[in-house]
Amino acid sequence: MHHKPFYLVAIPEGDIMADLSRLQKFISRRFGMYSAPYPDLHLTVGVIEPQKNIAKCYPILDEVIKRSQPFSVHIGGERCFGEPYSSVGVAVTSPMLARLAGELEGALTKAGYAPRTFSEWDFHISLVTPLFARRHWSQEEYLEACRIIAEHSPAGWCRLNHLELWDPDFPPLKVIERFSFAKDSST
């Protein structure tokens, strides 16, 4: 049986993502955290506890996700998480994202799965976290990285067009399944 949770993530798209990627590389190089390949920038929408056969939840995820059209989320400001995470990133806000996370959690729970609750979740895009880094940074380095993000993080919008289910082991990234939103009728 799989021993780590699975992550349901969105891959934000748009011009702001290039700025975030540069900021991720700057912080990583400054503190010697990552070497290539850098972890993909993503937005966690759900976490599903380990399952023997995760594929059985694909139809449930697909049904909920197909009810939404692609939408935009706002990025702005730092979102840092202290110990035990010591993760630095940017804040993401969107009522549609919160609604989608709640619908996914409800549908999975109703079907007997064990998703983590996202009712109090602070949506974010992590830029650097010791989880996949070469080393753990000191408290002073972590605080400095948070200050850098607070001063230099871009603000703007990015688009979410689909979700992916990830196996959490990195590297390499393993996308287990991809779920598309309904076709956007405005394009």
Protein backbone atom coordinates (compact mmCIF):
# COMPACT_ATOMS: atom_id res chain seq x y z
CA MET A 1 0.00 0.00 0.00
CA HIS A 2 1.07 3.55 -0.73
CA HIS A 3 2.25 5.20 2.52
CA LYS A 4 2.19 8.88 1.64
CA PRO A 5 -0.84 11.01 0.82
CA PHE A 6 -1.71 11.96 -2.74
CA TYR A 7 -1.89 15.61 -3.73
CA LEU A 8 -4.53 17.13 -5.97
CA VAL A 9 -2.94 20.24 -7.47
CA ALA A 10 -3.55 22.96 -10.01
CA ILE A 11 -0.76 24.17 -12.27
CA PRO A 12 -1.28 27.93 -12.52
CA GLU A 13 -0.69 29.49 -15.93
CA GLY A 14 0.02 33.06 -16.94
CA ASP A 15 2.74 35.68 -17.12
CA ILE A 16 3.06 35.94 -13.32
CA MET A 17 4.30 32.34 -13.16
CA ALA A 18 7.57 33.29 -14.92
CA ASP A 19 8.11 35.97 -12.24
CA LEU A 20 7.43 33.41 -9.48
CA SER A 21 9.82 30.94 -11.08
CA ARG A 22 12.58 33.57 -11.13
CA LEU A 23 11.88 34.39 -7.48
CA GLN A 24 12.01 30.67 -6.59
CA LYS A 25 15.39 30.31 -8.31
CA PHE A 26 16.76 33.49 -6.72
CA ILE A 27 15.86 32.38 -3.19
CA SER A 28 17.03 28.84 -3.81
CA ARG A 29 20.41 29.95 -5.12
CA ARG A 30 20.88 32.56 -2.42
CA PHE A 31 20.41 29.98 0.32
CA GLY A 32 21.71 26.87 -1.50
CA MET A 33 18.38 25.05 -1.21
CA TYR A 34 17.57 23.39 -4.56
CA SER A 35 19.48 22.25 -7.56
CA ALA A 36 17.83 21.54 -10.89
CA PRO A 37 15.25 20.28 -11.44
CA TYR A 38 13.37 22.75 -9.28
CA PRO A 39 10.06 21.54 -7.85
CA ASP A 40 7.13 22.51 -10.06
CA LEU A 41 5.22 25.55 -8.88
CA HIS A 42 1.73 24.40 -8.02
CA LEU A 43 -1.33 25.12 -5.95
CA THR A 44 -2.57 22.32 -3.67
CA VAL A 45 -6.36 21.94 -3.84
CA GLY A 46 -6.72 18.67 -1.93
CA VAL A 47 -4.82 15.97 -0.08
CA ILE A 48 -6.05 12.37 -0.09
CA GLU A 49 -4.75 9.99 2.54
CA PRO A 50 -3.03 6.80 1.29
CA GLN A 51 -5.27 4.37 -0.58
CA LYS A 52 -4.63 0.86 -1.87
CA ASN A 53 -6.26 1.71 -5.18
CA ILE A 54 -6.32 5.46 -5.72
CA ALA A 55 -7.72 4.96 -9.24
CA LYS A 56 -11.12 4.15 -7.76
CA CYS A 57 -11.57 7.82 -6.86
CA TYR A 58 -10.85 9.10 -10.40
CA PRO A 59 -14.52 9.10 -11.48
CA ILE A 60 -15.47 11.07 -8.35
CA LEU A 61 -12.75 13.67 -8.94
CA ASP A 62 -13.57 13.88 -12.64
CA GLU A 63 -17.28 14.44 -11.97
CA VAL A 64 -16.67 17.30 -9.52
CA ILE A 65 -13.95 18.95 -11.62
CA LYS A 66 -15.99 18.80 -14.86
CA ARG A 67 -18.71 20.91 -13.19
CA SER A 68 -16.31 23.90 -13.10
CA GLN A 69 -14.96 25.96 -15.94
CA PRO A 70 -11.37 27.22 -15.92
CA PHE A 71 -11.01 30.21 -13.62
CA SER A 72 -8.48 32.73 -12.35
CA VAL A 73 -6.98 33.14 -8.89
CA HIS A 74 -5.22 36.14 -7.39
CA ILE A 75 -1.60 35.95 -6.26
CA GLY A 76 -0.28 38.57 -3.90
CA GLY A 77 1.82 38.83 -0.78
CA GLU A 78 3.94 36.35 1.09
CA ARG A 79 2.60 33.22 2.69
CA CYS A 80 5.22 31.70 4.96
CA PHE A 81 4.70 28.71 7.23
CA GLY A 82 7.04 28.29 10.21
CA GLU A 83 8.21 25.09 11.87
CA PRO A 84 7.86 22.26 11.14
CA TYR A 85 7.37 23.34 7.49
CA SER A 86 9.71 26.34 7.14
CA SER A 87 8.08 26.91 3.77
CA VAL A 88 8.10 30.24 1.95
CA GLY A 89 5.69 31.16 -0.80
CA VAL A 90 2.99 33.48 -2.05
CA ALA A 91 -0.65 33.83 -1.02
CA VAL A 92 -3.45 32.78 -3.37
CA THR A 93 -7.04 33.96 -3.00
CA SER A 94 -10.17 32.89 -4.83
CA PRO A 95 -13.71 32.16 -3.65
CA MET A 96 -14.08 29.72 -6.58
CA LEU A 97 -10.98 27.82 -5.47
CA ALA A 98 -12.30 27.53 -1.91
CA ARG A 99 -15.67 26.31 -3.21
CA LEU A 100 -14.01 23.73 -5.49
CA ALA A 101 -11.83 22.42 -2.63
CA GLY A 102 -14.93 22.06 -0.45
CA GLU A 103 -16.85 20.22 -3.18
CA LEU A 104 -13.95 17.83 -3.74
CA GLU A 105 -13.60 17.17 -0.02
CA GLY A 106 -17.34 16.54 0.34
CA ALA A 107 -17.57 14.19 -2.64
CA LEU A 108 -14.52 12.18 -1.53
CA THR A 109 -15.73 11.93 2.07
CA LYS A 110 -19.21 10.81 0.93
CA ALA A 111 -17.58 8.08 -1.18
CA GLY A 112 -15.59 6.77 1.81
CA TYR A 113 -12.22 8.36 1.13
CA ALA A 114 -10.19 10.30 3.70
CA PRO A 115 -9.35 13.73 2.32
CA ARG A 116 -7.78 16.32 4.59
CA THR A 117 -10.08 19.18 5.38
CA PHE A 118 -9.38 22.42 3.56
CA SER A 119 -11.97 24.52 5.39
CA GLU A 120 -9.25 26.52 7.16
CA TRP A 121 -6.61 26.13 4.44
CA ASP A 122 -4.43 29.08 3.47
CA PHE A 123 -4.09 28.63 -0.28
CA HIS A 124 -0.59 29.31 -1.49
CA ILE A 125 2.14 28.49 -3.97
CA SER A 126 5.27 27.31 -2.19
CA LEU A 127 8.47 28.66 -3.69
CA VAL A 128 11.02 26.99 -1.42
CA THR A 129 10.52 24.37 1.25
CA PRO A 130 13.14 22.18 2.92
CA LEU A 131 11.08 19.10 2.04
CA PHE A 132 12.84 18.66 -1.32
CA ALA A 133 15.87 20.82 -0.63
CA ARG A 134 19.51 19.85 -0.25
CA ARG A 135 19.46 21.16 3.31
CA HIS A 136 17.27 22.71 5.98
CA TRP A 137 17.71 26.43 6.38
CA SER A 138 18.30 28.23 9.66
CA GLN A 139 15.56 30.27 11.29
CA GLU A 140 17.39 33.46 10.27
CA GLU A 141 17.59 32.32 6.63
CA TYR A 142 13.91 31.35 6.64
CA LEU A 143 12.90 34.78 8.01
CA GLU A 144 15.11 36.54 5.46
CA ALA A 145 13.52 34.52 2.64
CA CYS A 146 10.06 35.55 3.92
CA ARG A 147 11.18 39.19 3.87
CA ILE A 148 12.46 38.83 0.31
CA ILE A 149 9.11 37.44 -0.80
CA ALA A 150 7.19 40.15 1.06
CA GLU A 151 9.26 42.82 -0.70
CA HIS A 152 9.58 41.30 -4.16
CA SER A 153 6.68 38.94 -4.85
CA PRO A 154 4.62 39.89 -7.86
CA ALA A 155 0.89 40.48 -7.57
CA GLY A 156 -1.57 39.53 -10.26
CA TRP A 157 -3.75 36.82 -11.68
CA CYS A 158 -3.12 33.35 -13.03
CA ARG A 159 -5.42 30.84 -14.66
CA LEU A 160 -6.30 27.32 -13.58
CA ASN A 161 -7.26 25.05 -16.49
CA HIS A 162 -6.98 21.58 -14.98
CA LEU A 163 -6.00 19.62 -11.87
CA GLU A 164 -3.45 16.83 -11.51
CA LEU A 165 -3.17 14.05 -8.96
CA TRP A 166 0.45 13.73 -7.83
CA ASP A 167 2.43 11.06 -6.10
CA PRO A 168 4.34 13.14 -3.53
CA ASP A 169 7.78 11.66 -4.11
CA PHE A 170 10.10 14.12 -5.87
CA PRO A 171 12.17 13.98 -7.95
CA PRO A 172 11.03 12.93 -10.40
CA LEU A 173 7.52 14.32 -10.40
CA LYS A 174 4.92 11.63 -11.05
CA VAL A 175 1.57 12.83 -12.37
CA ILE A 176 -0.82 9.96 -11.70
CA GLU A 177 -3.90 11.41 -13.41
CA ARG A 178 -5.06 14.66 -15.00
CA PHE A 179 -8.57 16.13 -14.69
CA SER A 180 -9.83 18.87 -17.00
CA PHE A 181 -12.37 21.53 -16.17
CA ALA A 182 -15.38 21.91 -18.46
CA LYS A 183 -14.64 23.74 -21.67
CA ASP A 184 -14.68 27.48 -21.16
CA SER A 185 -17.58 28.84 -23.20
CA SER A 186 -16.15 32.37 -23.20
CA THR A 187 -13.16 31.49 -25.38
